[in-house]
Amino acid sequence: MCTSSFEPAEQLVLLSVLLHLLWLTRPRCMVRHAVCSLDAVQRGRVWTLLTANASHAAFPHLLHNCIHLLQLGPLLHATLGCSDLLALMLTAALASSAASLLWNGVLGGRPKEGSLGASGVAMAMVAANAALYPRALVHVYGLELPAPHAALLYLVVDVVASSSGHGGGGVDASAHAGGAAVGYALARRWQRGLDLFPSF
């Protein structure tokens, strides 16, 4: 994927747009193959751990995530390089899905509750940016905040929205938190001059 003329974030945006078109034409297929839930994984559809991260049924959800990916993608690509950014994004996708499975399926007892969208990967990039550039100022919700504060604000808003009885339905804060944790941890490893993944 690093031989493409498109950066990893741009590739995810393109894939997300293609899958959104499939939601418009083949929704039943997408529910089966591009929504991650404990039930889906237990039935052998393990690919949903990845495919769900490029899956957006609603256009506003797609647009919101694409904006984040395109804003932070070039900066992180210039800093980390293609291979490390791609590794961070793939790991964040898996961590996002795993966190959702754990919180909703295992601890929450809702095995059929599914998660989809690139928000976990987008939050990983927000958190990685906060780790790499803690003094950078970021505009969020009309406020200008240091990057770490902006990342925390995003997570707080996610938690409030996911627990709200109205207006916040469909926000999977666990997936966002899982992605953010991985993005921050891997960026800190890179910052200390370590390989993103320890060798054994």
N, C-alpha and C. Protein backbone atom coordinates (compact mmCIF):
# COMPACT_ATOMS: atom_id res chain seq x y z
N MET A 1 0.82 -1.21 0.00
CA MET A 1 0.00 0.00 0.00
C MET A 1 0.86 1.26 0.00
N CYS A 2 2.14 1.14 0.41
CA CYS A 2 3.00 2.30 0.42
C CYS A 2 3.62 2.58 -0.94
N THR A 3 3.34 1.74 -1.92
CA THR A 3 3.80 2.00 -3.28
C THR A 3 2.77 2.82 -4.06
N SER A 4 1.61 3.06 -3.46
CA SER A 4 0.56 3.83 -4.12
C SER A 4 0.91 5.31 -4.13
N SER A 5 0.32 6.05 -5.05
CA SER A 5 0.51 7.50 -5.09
C SER A 5 -0.32 8.19 -4.02
N PHE A 6 -1.20 7.43 -3.35
CA PHE A 6 -2.02 7.98 -2.28
C PHE A 6 -1.43 7.61 -0.93
N GLU A 7 -1.46 8.55 0.01
CA GLU A 7 -1.01 8.28 1.37
C GLU A 7 -2.01 7.36 2.06
N PRO A 8 -1.59 6.68 3.16
CA PRO A 8 -2.49 5.74 3.84
C PRO A 8 -3.84 6.34 4.23
N ALA A 9 -3.83 7.57 4.74
CA ALA A 9 -5.10 8.20 5.14
C ALA A 9 -5.98 8.43 3.93
N GLU A 10 -5.37 8.83 2.81
CA GLU A 10 -6.14 9.04 1.59
C GLU A 10 -6.70 7.72 1.06
N GLN A 11 -5.95 6.65 1.21
CA GLN A 11 -6.43 5.34 0.78
C GLN A 11 -7.63 4.91 1.62
N LEU A 12 -7.58 5.19 2.93
CA LEU A 12 -8.72 4.84 3.78
C LEU A 12 -9.94 5.67 3.41
N VAL A 13 -9.74 6.93 3.07
CA VAL A 13 -10.86 7.78 2.65
C VAL A 13 -11.49 7.23 1.37
N LEU A 14 -10.66 6.87 0.40
CA LEU A 14 -11.19 6.32 -0.85
C LEU A 14 -11.94 5.02 -0.61
N LEU A 15 -11.37 4.15 0.22
CA LEU A 15 -12.05 2.89 0.54
C LEU A 15 -13.36 3.14 1.26
N SER A 16 -13.37 4.11 2.16
CA SER A 16 -14.60 4.44 2.90
C SER A 16 -15.69 4.94 1.97
N VAL A 17 -15.31 5.75 0.98
CA VAL A 17 -16.29 6.25 0.01
C VAL A 17 -16.86 5.09 -0.81
N LEU A 18 -16.00 4.18 -1.23
CA LEU A 18 -16.47 3.03 -2.01
C LEU A 18 -17.43 2.17 -1.18
N LEU A 19 -17.08 1.94 0.08
CA LEU A 19 -17.96 1.12 0.92
C LEU A 19 -19.27 1.84 1.23
N HIS A 20 -19.22 3.17 1.32
CA HIS A 20 -20.47 3.91 1.53
C HIS A 20 -21.41 3.72 0.33
N LEU A 21 -20.84 3.71 -0.87
CA LEU A 21 -21.66 3.46 -2.06
C LEU A 21 -22.28 2.07 -2.01
N LEU A 22 -21.54 1.11 -1.46
CA LEU A 22 -22.11 -0.24 -1.31
C LEU A 22 -23.23 -0.25 -0.28
N TRP A 23 -23.13 0.60 0.75
CA TRP A 23 -24.24 0.71 1.71
C TRP A 23 -25.52 1.18 1.00
N LEU A 24 -25.35 2.02 -0.01
CA LEU A 24 -26.52 2.53 -0.73
C LEU A 24 -27.11 1.50 -1.68
N THR A 25 -26.29 0.56 -2.13
CA THR A 25 -26.75 -0.40 -3.14
C THR A 25 -26.89 -1.83 -2.61
N ARG A 26 -26.05 -2.21 -1.62
CA ARG A 26 -26.07 -3.57 -1.08
C ARG A 26 -26.07 -3.54 0.45
N PRO A 27 -27.08 -2.95 1.07
CA PRO A 27 -27.05 -2.77 2.53
C PRO A 27 -27.02 -4.09 3.31
N ARG A 28 -27.73 -5.11 2.84
CA ARG A 28 -27.75 -6.38 3.58
C ARG A 28 -26.37 -7.03 3.57
N CYS A 29 -25.69 -6.93 2.46
CA CYS A 29 -24.33 -7.47 2.36
C CYS A 29 -23.39 -6.71 3.30
N MET A 30 -23.55 -5.41 3.37
CA MET A 30 -22.68 -4.60 4.22
C MET A 30 -22.92 -4.88 5.70
N VAL A 31 -24.18 -5.06 6.08
CA VAL A 31 -24.48 -5.40 7.47
C VAL A 31 -23.77 -6.70 7.87
N ARG A 32 -23.72 -7.63 6.95
CA ARG A 32 -23.12 -8.92 7.23
C ARG A 32 -21.58 -8.86 7.24
N HIS A 33 -21.01 -8.10 6.34
CA HIS A 33 -19.57 -8.17 6.13
C HIS A 33 -18.78 -6.92 6.54
N ALA A 34 -19.46 -5.86 6.94
CA ALA A 34 -18.74 -4.63 7.27
C ALA A 34 -19.24 -3.97 8.54
N VAL A 35 -19.83 -4.76 9.43
CA VAL A 35 -20.19 -4.30 10.77
C VAL A 35 -19.59 -5.29 11.75
N CYS A 36 -18.83 -4.79 12.70
CA CYS A 36 -18.13 -5.65 13.65
C CYS A 36 -18.95 -5.82 14.93
N SER A 37 -19.21 -7.05 15.29
CA SER A 37 -19.87 -7.37 16.54
C SER A 37 -19.31 -8.69 17.05
N LEU A 38 -19.52 -8.96 18.33
CA LEU A 38 -19.06 -10.22 18.90
C LEU A 38 -19.74 -11.39 18.20
N ASP A 39 -21.00 -11.24 17.90
CA ASP A 39 -21.74 -12.29 17.21
C ASP A 39 -21.14 -12.58 15.83
N ALA A 40 -20.79 -11.52 15.11
CA ALA A 40 -20.20 -11.70 13.77
C ALA A 40 -18.87 -12.43 13.85
N VAL A 41 -18.03 -12.04 14.81
CA VAL A 41 -16.72 -12.69 14.95
C VAL A 41 -16.88 -14.14 15.39
N GLN A 42 -17.80 -14.39 16.30
CA GLN A 42 -18.02 -15.77 16.74
C GLN A 42 -18.56 -16.65 15.62
N ARG A 43 -19.22 -16.06 14.65
CA ARG A 43 -19.72 -16.80 13.50
C ARG A 43 -18.67 -16.93 12.39
N GLY A 44 -17.46 -16.46 12.67
CA GLY A 44 -16.36 -16.65 11.74
C GLY A 44 -16.06 -15.48 10.83
N ARG A 45 -16.80 -14.39 10.95
CA ARG A 45 -16.58 -13.24 10.07
C ARG A 45 -15.53 -12.31 10.70
N VAL A 46 -14.33 -12.86 10.86
CA VAL A 46 -13.26 -12.12 11.54
C VAL A 46 -12.79 -10.92 10.74
N TRP A 47 -13.04 -10.95 9.42
CA TRP A 47 -12.62 -9.81 8.59
C TRP A 47 -13.33 -8.52 8.97
N THR A 48 -14.46 -8.63 9.67
CA THR A 48 -15.18 -7.42 10.07
C THR A 48 -14.36 -6.59 11.07
N LEU A 49 -13.37 -7.21 11.73
CA LEU A 49 -12.49 -6.46 12.62
C LEU A 49 -11.78 -5.33 11.87
N LEU A 50 -11.55 -5.55 10.58
CA LEU A 50 -10.92 -4.52 9.75
C LEU A 50 -11.92 -3.79 8.86
N THR A 51 -12.80 -4.54 8.19
CA THR A 51 -13.69 -3.90 7.22
C THR A 51 -14.63 -2.88 7.86
N ALA A 52 -15.00 -3.12 9.12
CA ALA A 52 -15.91 -2.18 9.80
C ALA A 52 -15.29 -0.79 9.92
N ASN A 53 -13.96 -0.72 9.92
CA ASN A 53 -13.29 0.56 10.10
C ASN A 53 -13.32 1.44 8.86
N ALA A 54 -13.76 0.90 7.75
CA ALA A 54 -13.92 1.71 6.53
C ALA A 54 -15.39 1.77 6.12
N SER A 55 -16.26 1.36 7.02
CA SER A 55 -17.68 1.21 6.71
C SER A 55 -18.49 2.33 7.34
N HIS A 56 -19.22 3.08 6.51
CA HIS A 56 -20.06 4.18 7.00
C HIS A 56 -21.42 4.11 6.31
N ALA A 57 -22.45 3.82 7.06
CA ALA A 57 -23.78 3.75 6.47
C ALA A 57 -24.37 5.14 6.25
N ALA A 58 -24.02 6.09 7.11
CA ALA A 58 -24.57 7.44 7.03
C ALA A 58 -23.53 8.40 6.46
N PHE A 59 -23.96 9.26 5.55
CA PHE A 59 -23.03 10.19 4.92
C PHE A 59 -22.39 11.18 5.91
N PRO A 60 -23.13 11.74 6.89
CA PRO A 60 -22.48 12.66 7.84
C PRO A 60 -21.34 11.99 8.62
N HIS A 61 -21.54 10.72 8.96
CA HIS A 61 -20.50 9.96 9.65
C HIS A 61 -19.26 9.84 8.76
N LEU A 62 -19.49 9.51 7.51
CA LEU A 62 -18.40 9.41 6.54
C LEU A 62 -17.67 10.74 6.40
N LEU A 63 -18.42 11.81 6.22
CA LEU A 63 -17.82 13.12 6.01
C LEU A 63 -16.99 13.56 7.21
N HIS A 64 -17.52 13.36 8.41
CA HIS A 64 -16.81 13.75 9.64
C HIS A 64 -15.48 13.03 9.75
N ASN A 65 -15.47 11.73 9.51
CA ASN A 65 -14.23 10.96 9.63
C ASN A 65 -13.24 11.29 8.52
N CYS A 66 -13.75 11.50 7.32
CA CYS A 66 -12.86 11.83 6.20
C CYS A 66 -12.15 13.16 6.44
N ILE A 67 -12.85 14.12 7.02
CA ILE A 67 -12.23 15.42 7.31
C ILE A 67 -11.06 15.24 8.28
N HIS A 68 -11.28 14.45 9.34
CA HIS A 68 -10.20 14.21 10.31
C HIS A 68 -9.02 13.49 9.65
N LEU A 69 -9.32 12.48 8.86
CA LEU A 69 -8.26 11.71 8.22
C LEU A 69 -7.43 12.57 7.26
N LEU A 70 -8.11 13.41 6.50
CA LEU A 70 -7.41 14.25 5.52
C LEU A 70 -6.68 15.41 6.18
N GLN A 71 -7.15 15.84 7.34
CA GLN A 71 -6.46 16.92 8.05
C GLN A 71 -5.15 16.44 8.67
N LEU A 72 -5.19 15.27 9.31
CA LEU A 72 -4.02 14.79 10.05
C LEU A 72 -3.14 13.84 9.25
N GLY A 73 -3.70 13.23 8.22
CA GLY A 73 -2.94 12.26 7.44
C GLY A 73 -1.63 12.79 6.87
N PRO A 74 -1.64 13.93 6.16
CA PRO A 74 -0.39 14.44 5.58
C PRO A 74 0.67 14.75 6.62
N LEU A 75 0.26 15.32 7.76
CA LEU A 75 1.22 15.66 8.81
C LEU A 75 1.87 14.40 9.39
N LEU A 76 1.05 13.40 9.72
CA LEU A 76 1.59 12.18 10.30
C LEU A 76 2.38 11.38 9.28
N HIS A 77 1.99 11.47 8.02
CA HIS A 77 2.74 10.79 6.96
C HIS A 77 4.13 11.41 6.83
N ALA A 78 4.21 12.72 6.90
CA ALA A 78 5.50 13.40 6.81
C ALA A 78 6.37 13.10 8.03
N THR A 79 5.74 12.88 9.18
CA THR A 79 6.49 12.64 10.41
C THR A 79 6.91 11.17 10.54
N LEU A 80 5.97 10.26 10.38
CA LEU A 80 6.22 8.85 10.63
C LEU A 80 6.73 8.10 9.40
N GLY A 81 6.37 8.58 8.22
CA GLY A 81 6.63 7.82 7.01
C GLY A 81 5.47 6.90 6.71
N CYS A 82 5.42 6.41 5.50
CA CYS A 82 4.27 5.63 5.05
C CYS A 82 4.11 4.32 5.83
N SER A 83 5.18 3.57 5.97
CA SER A 83 5.07 2.24 6.59
C SER A 83 4.62 2.33 8.04
N ASP A 84 5.21 3.24 8.81
CA ASP A 84 4.85 3.36 10.22
C ASP A 84 3.44 3.92 10.39
N LEU A 85 3.06 4.86 9.54
CA LEU A 85 1.69 5.39 9.63
C LEU A 85 0.68 4.30 9.28
N LEU A 86 0.98 3.52 8.25
CA LEU A 86 0.08 2.43 7.87
C LEU A 86 -0.03 1.42 9.00
N ALA A 87 1.11 1.07 9.62
CA ALA A 87 1.08 0.13 10.74
C ALA A 87 0.26 0.68 11.90
N LEU A 88 0.41 1.98 12.18
CA LEU A 88 -0.36 2.60 13.26
C LEU A 88 -1.86 2.54 12.95
N MET A 89 -2.23 2.84 11.72
CA MET A 89 -3.64 2.85 11.35
C MET A 89 -4.26 1.47 11.40
N LEU A 90 -3.54 0.46 10.91
CA LEU A 90 -4.07 -0.91 10.94
C LEU A 90 -4.21 -1.41 12.38
N THR A 91 -3.20 -1.12 13.21
CA THR A 91 -3.27 -1.53 14.61
C THR A 91 -4.40 -0.82 15.33
N ALA A 92 -4.57 0.46 15.04
CA ALA A 92 -5.66 1.21 15.65
C ALA A 92 -7.02 0.65 15.23
N ALA A 93 -7.14 0.23 13.98
CA ALA A 93 -8.39 -0.36 13.50
C ALA A 93 -8.72 -1.62 14.29
N LEU A 94 -7.73 -2.49 14.46
CA LEU A 94 -7.94 -3.73 15.22
C LEU A 94 -8.24 -3.43 16.69
N ALA A 95 -7.51 -2.47 17.26
CA ALA A 95 -7.73 -2.12 18.67
C ALA A 95 -9.11 -1.50 18.87
N SER A 96 -9.53 -0.70 17.92
CA SER A 96 -10.85 -0.08 17.98
C SER A 96 -11.95 -1.15 17.99
N SER A 97 -11.82 -2.11 17.08
CA SER A 97 -12.82 -3.19 17.01
C SER A 97 -12.76 -4.06 18.26
N ALA A 98 -11.56 -4.37 18.73
CA ALA A 98 -11.41 -5.21 19.92
C ALA A 98 -12.01 -4.54 21.15
N ALA A 99 -11.79 -3.22 21.29
CA ALA A 99 -12.35 -2.49 22.42
C ALA A 99 -13.88 -2.50 22.38
N SER A 100 -14.43 -2.37 21.18
CA SER A 100 -15.88 -2.41 21.03
C SER A 100 -16.44 -3.78 21.38
N LEU A 101 -15.76 -4.84 20.91
CA LEU A 101 -16.20 -6.21 21.23
C LEU A 101 -16.17 -6.44 22.73
N LEU A 102 -15.09 -5.99 23.38
CA LEU A 102 -14.96 -6.20 24.82
C LEU A 102 -16.03 -5.45 25.58
N TRP A 103 -16.21 -4.16 25.26
CA TRP A 103 -17.14 -3.33 26.02
C TRP A 103 -18.60 -3.69 25.74
N ASN A 104 -18.94 -3.79 24.46
CA ASN A 104 -20.34 -4.04 24.12
C ASN A 104 -20.72 -5.52 24.18
N GLY A 105 -19.85 -6.37 23.61
CA GLY A 105 -20.19 -7.78 23.51
C GLY A 105 -19.94 -8.59 24.75
N VAL A 106 -18.76 -8.44 25.35
CA VAL A 106 -18.38 -9.26 26.50
C VAL A 106 -18.89 -8.65 27.81
N LEU A 107 -18.44 -7.43 28.12
CA LEU A 107 -18.82 -6.79 29.38
C LEU A 107 -20.27 -6.30 29.36
N GLY A 108 -20.71 -5.83 28.20
CA GLY A 108 -22.07 -5.29 28.12
C GLY A 108 -23.14 -6.32 27.85
N GLY A 109 -22.73 -7.54 27.49
CA GLY A 109 -23.72 -8.58 27.21
C GLY A 109 -24.59 -8.30 26.01
N ARG A 110 -24.02 -7.57 25.03
CA ARG A 110 -24.78 -7.24 23.82
C ARG A 110 -24.01 -7.75 22.60
N PRO A 111 -23.98 -9.07 22.42
CA PRO A 111 -23.13 -9.64 21.36
C PRO A 111 -23.51 -9.23 19.94
N LYS A 112 -24.74 -8.80 19.73
CA LYS A 112 -25.16 -8.43 18.38
C LYS A 112 -25.04 -6.93 18.12
N GLU A 113 -24.59 -6.18 19.12
CA GLU A 113 -24.43 -4.74 18.92
C GLU A 113 -23.17 -4.50 18.10
N GLY A 114 -23.34 -3.90 16.94
CA GLY A 114 -22.24 -3.74 16.01
C GLY A 114 -21.63 -2.36 16.04
N SER A 115 -20.41 -2.28 15.53
CA SER A 115 -19.69 -1.02 15.44
C SER A 115 -19.17 -0.86 14.02
N LEU A 116 -19.16 0.36 13.53
CA LEU A 116 -18.64 0.63 12.21
C LEU A 116 -18.15 2.06 12.14
N GLY A 117 -17.27 2.31 11.18
CA GLY A 117 -16.76 3.66 10.97
C GLY A 117 -15.28 3.77 11.26
N ALA A 118 -14.67 4.80 10.68
CA ALA A 118 -13.23 5.03 10.83
C ALA A 118 -12.91 5.93 12.02
N SER A 119 -13.86 6.12 12.92
CA SER A 119 -13.64 7.03 14.04
C SER A 119 -12.51 6.56 14.95
N GLY A 120 -12.38 5.25 15.13
CA GLY A 120 -11.30 4.73 15.96
C GLY A 120 -9.94 5.06 15.36
N VAL A 121 -9.81 4.91 14.05
CA VAL A 121 -8.56 5.25 13.38
C VAL A 121 -8.34 6.76 13.42
N ALA A 122 -9.40 7.52 13.21
CA ALA A 122 -9.28 8.98 13.26
C ALA A 122 -8.84 9.43 14.66
N MET A 123 -9.40 8.82 15.70
CA MET A 123 -8.99 9.17 17.06
C MET A 123 -7.56 8.75 17.34
N ALA A 124 -7.11 7.66 16.73
CA ALA A 124 -5.71 7.25 16.87
C ALA A 124 -4.80 8.33 16.30
N MET A 125 -5.20 8.91 15.18
CA MET A 125 -4.39 9.95 14.56
C MET A 125 -4.44 11.24 15.38
N VAL A 126 -5.59 11.55 15.97
CA VAL A 126 -5.70 12.71 16.86
C VAL A 126 -4.76 12.53 18.06
N ALA A 127 -4.78 11.32 18.64
CA ALA A 127 -3.94 11.04 19.81
C ALA A 127 -2.47 11.00 19.45
N ALA A 128 -2.14 10.45 18.28
CA ALA A 128 -0.75 10.43 17.83
C ALA A 128 -0.23 11.85 17.62
N ASN A 129 -1.06 12.69 17.05
CA ASN A 129 -0.69 14.09 16.85
C ASN A 129 -0.44 14.77 18.20
N ALA A 130 -1.27 14.44 19.20
CA ALA A 130 -1.10 15.01 20.53
C ALA A 130 0.21 14.56 21.17
N ALA A 131 0.58 13.30 20.92
CA ALA A 131 1.82 12.78 21.49
C ALA A 131 3.04 13.40 20.81
N LEU A 132 2.97 13.55 19.51
CA LEU A 132 4.12 14.04 18.74
C LEU A 132 4.26 15.56 18.81
N TYR A 133 3.13 16.26 18.88
CA TYR A 133 3.15 17.72 18.86
C TYR A 133 2.29 18.27 20.00
N PRO A 134 2.72 18.05 21.26
CA PRO A 134 1.86 18.43 22.41
C PRO A 134 1.63 19.93 22.53
N ARG A 135 2.48 20.75 21.92
CA ARG A 135 2.31 22.19 22.04
C ARG A 135 1.55 22.79 20.86
N ALA A 136 1.24 21.96 19.89
CA ALA A 136 0.49 22.46 18.73
C ALA A 136 -0.92 22.84 19.15
N LEU A 137 -1.44 23.90 18.57
CA LEU A 137 -2.80 24.34 18.86
C LEU A 137 -3.76 23.76 17.82
N VAL A 138 -4.88 23.25 18.30
CA VAL A 138 -5.86 22.59 17.45
C VAL A 138 -7.21 23.26 17.65
N HIS A 139 -7.91 23.50 16.57
CA HIS A 139 -9.26 24.08 16.65
C HIS A 139 -10.28 22.95 16.74
N VAL A 140 -11.06 22.96 17.81
CA VAL A 140 -12.09 21.93 17.99
C VAL A 140 -13.30 22.56 18.67
N TYR A 141 -14.46 22.37 18.07
CA TYR A 141 -15.72 22.90 18.61
C TYR A 141 -15.63 24.41 18.88
N GLY A 142 -14.92 25.13 18.00
CA GLY A 142 -14.81 26.57 18.15
C GLY A 142 -13.77 27.03 19.16
N LEU A 143 -13.04 26.09 19.75
CA LEU A 143 -12.01 26.42 20.74
C LEU A 143 -10.63 26.15 20.16
N GLU A 144 -9.65 26.92 20.60
CA GLU A 144 -8.26 26.67 20.22
C GLU A 144 -7.56 26.07 21.44
N LEU A 145 -7.19 24.80 21.34
CA LEU A 145 -6.64 24.07 22.47
C LEU A 145 -5.33 23.39 22.09
N PRO A 146 -4.45 23.17 23.08
CA PRO A 146 -3.28 22.32 22.82
C PRO A 146 -3.75 20.93 22.38
N ALA A 147 -2.97 20.31 21.51
CA ALA A 147 -3.38 19.04 20.92
C ALA A 147 -3.79 17.99 21.95
N PRO A 148 -3.06 17.82 23.08
CA PRO A 148 -3.50 16.82 24.07
C PRO A 148 -4.85 17.14 24.68
N HIS A 149 -5.12 18.43 24.93
CA HIS A 149 -6.41 18.83 25.49
C HIS A 149 -7.53 18.59 24.48
N ALA A 150 -7.24 18.82 23.21
CA ALA A 150 -8.24 18.59 22.16
C ALA A 150 -8.60 17.11 22.09
N ALA A 151 -7.59 16.24 22.19
CA ALA A 151 -7.85 14.80 22.16
C ALA A 151 -8.72 14.38 23.34
N LEU A 152 -8.42 14.90 24.52
CA LEU A 152 -9.22 14.58 25.70
C LEU A 152 -10.65 15.10 25.56
N LEU A 153 -10.79 16.29 24.99
CA LEU A 153 -12.13 16.84 24.80
C LEU A 153 -12.95 15.98 23.86
N TYR A 154 -12.33 15.51 22.78
CA TYR A 154 -13.02 14.61 21.86
C TYR A 154 -13.54 13.38 22.60
N LEU A 155 -12.69 12.79 23.43
CA LEU A 155 -13.08 11.57 24.15
C LEU A 155 -14.19 11.85 25.16
N VAL A 156 -14.11 12.97 25.84
CA VAL A 156 -15.16 13.32 26.81
C VAL A 156 -16.49 13.50 26.09
N VAL A 157 -16.47 14.21 24.97
CA VAL A 157 -17.70 14.41 24.19
C VAL A 157 -18.25 13.07 23.72
N ASP A 158 -17.35 12.15 23.31
CA ASP A 158 -17.78 10.82 22.88
C ASP A 158 -18.48 10.07 24.00
N VAL A 159 -17.89 10.12 25.19
CA VAL A 159 -18.47 9.40 26.34
C VAL A 159 -19.84 9.98 26.68
N VAL A 160 -19.93 11.30 26.70
CA VAL A 160 -21.22 11.95 27.01
C VAL A 160 -22.25 11.61 25.94
N ALA A 161 -21.83 11.64 24.67
CA ALA A 161 -22.77 11.35 23.58
C ALA A 161 -23.22 9.90 23.62
N SER A 162 -22.31 8.97 23.92
CA SER A 162 -22.68 7.56 23.92
C SER A 162 -23.60 7.20 25.07
N SER A 163 -23.54 7.97 26.16
CA SER A 163 -24.40 7.69 27.31
C SER A 163 -25.68 8.51 27.30
N SER A 164 -25.79 9.43 26.33
CA SER A 164 -26.97 10.29 26.25
C SER A 164 -28.16 9.51 25.72
N GLY A 165 -29.30 9.82 26.25
CA GLY A 165 -30.51 9.14 25.79
C GLY A 165 -30.97 9.59 24.43
N HIS A 166 -30.55 10.79 24.02
CA HIS A 166 -30.97 11.28 22.71
C HIS A 166 -29.86 12.16 22.14
N GLY A 167 -29.72 12.08 20.84
CA GLY A 167 -28.72 12.90 20.18
C GLY A 167 -27.36 12.24 20.10
N GLY A 168 -27.12 11.22 20.92
CA GLY A 168 -25.80 10.61 20.92
C GLY A 168 -25.83 9.15 20.56
N GLY A 169 -27.01 8.66 20.18
CA GLY A 169 -27.11 7.26 19.83
C GLY A 169 -26.20 6.91 18.68
N GLY A 170 -25.59 5.75 18.78
CA GLY A 170 -24.73 5.28 17.71
C GLY A 170 -23.28 5.63 17.89
N VAL A 171 -22.92 6.41 18.90
CA VAL A 171 -21.52 6.74 19.16
C VAL A 171 -20.91 5.64 20.01
N ASP A 172 -19.89 4.97 19.48
CA ASP A 172 -19.23 3.89 20.21
C ASP A 172 -17.96 4.43 20.84
N ALA A 173 -18.09 4.96 22.05
CA ALA A 173 -16.95 5.58 22.72
C ALA A 173 -15.85 4.57 23.00
N SER A 174 -16.21 3.31 23.20
CA SER A 174 -15.19 2.29 23.48
C SER A 174 -14.27 2.11 22.28
N ALA A 175 -14.82 2.10 21.08
CA ALA A 175 -14.01 1.97 19.87
C ALA A 175 -13.10 3.18 19.70
N HIS A 176 -13.63 4.37 19.98
CA HIS A 176 -12.83 5.59 19.86
C HIS A 176 -11.68 5.57 20.86
N ALA A 177 -11.98 5.15 22.09
CA ALA A 177 -10.96 5.10 23.14
C ALA A 177 -9.88 4.07 22.82
N GLY A 178 -10.29 2.93 22.28
CA GLY A 178 -9.32 1.90 21.91
C GLY A 178 -8.37 2.40 20.84
N GLY A 179 -8.90 3.08 19.83
CA GLY A 179 -8.06 3.64 18.79
C GLY A 179 -7.14 4.71 19.33
N ALA A 180 -7.66 5.59 20.18
CA ALA A 180 -6.86 6.69 20.74
C ALA A 180 -5.71 6.15 21.58
N ALA A 181 -5.99 5.13 22.39
CA ALA A 181 -4.95 4.57 23.25
C ALA A 181 -3.79 4.01 22.43
N VAL A 182 -4.12 3.29 21.37
CA VAL A 182 -3.08 2.71 20.52
C VAL A 182 -2.32 3.80 19.77
N GLY A 183 -3.03 4.79 19.25
CA GLY A 183 -2.37 5.86 18.53
C GLY A 183 -1.38 6.61 19.40
N TYR A 184 -1.78 6.90 20.63
CA TYR A 184 -0.90 7.62 21.55
C TYR A 184 0.30 6.77 21.93
N ALA A 185 0.06 5.49 22.27
CA ALA A 185 1.14 4.61 22.71
C ALA A 185 2.17 4.39 21.60
N LEU A 186 1.71 4.14 20.39
CA LEU A 186 2.64 3.88 19.29
C LEU A 186 3.42 5.15 18.91
N ALA A 187 2.76 6.29 18.94
CA ALA A 187 3.46 7.54 18.63
C ALA A 187 4.52 7.84 19.68
N ARG A 188 4.24 7.54 20.93
CA ARG A 188 5.23 7.75 21.99
C ARG A 188 6.43 6.82 21.81
N ARG A 189 6.17 5.57 21.39
CA ARG A 189 7.28 4.66 21.12
C ARG A 189 8.16 5.21 19.99
N TRP A 190 7.53 5.67 18.94
CA TRP A 190 8.27 6.22 17.80
C TRP A 190 9.07 7.44 18.23
N GLN A 191 8.47 8.26 19.09
CA GLN A 191 9.11 9.49 19.56
C GLN A 191 10.37 9.18 20.36
N ARG A 192 10.36 8.06 21.08
CA ARG A 192 11.52 7.67 21.88
C ARG A 192 12.57 6.92 21.05
N GLY A 193 12.36 6.83 19.75
CA GLY A 193 13.32 6.18 18.88
C GLY A 193 13.20 4.68 18.84
N LEU A 194 12.08 4.16 19.34
CA LEU A 194 11.86 2.72 19.35
C LEU A 194 11.05 2.30 18.14
N ASP A 195 11.17 1.03 17.77
CA ASP A 195 10.29 0.49 16.74
C ASP A 195 8.86 0.56 17.24
N LEU A 196 7.91 0.74 16.34
CA LEU A 196 6.52 0.80 16.76
C LEU A 196 6.11 -0.46 17.50
N PHE A 197 6.64 -1.60 17.05
CA PHE A 197 6.29 -2.87 17.68
C PHE A 197 7.56 -3.55 18.19
N PRO A 198 7.60 -3.94 19.47
CA PRO A 198 8.79 -4.61 19.99
C PRO A 198 8.99 -5.96 19.32
N SER A 199 10.25 -6.30 19.08
CA SER A 199 10.57 -7.61 18.49
C SER A 199 10.83 -8.61 19.60
N PHE A 200 10.41 -9.84 19.37
CA PHE A 200 10.58 -10.89 20.39
C PHE A 200 11.50 -11.96 19.87
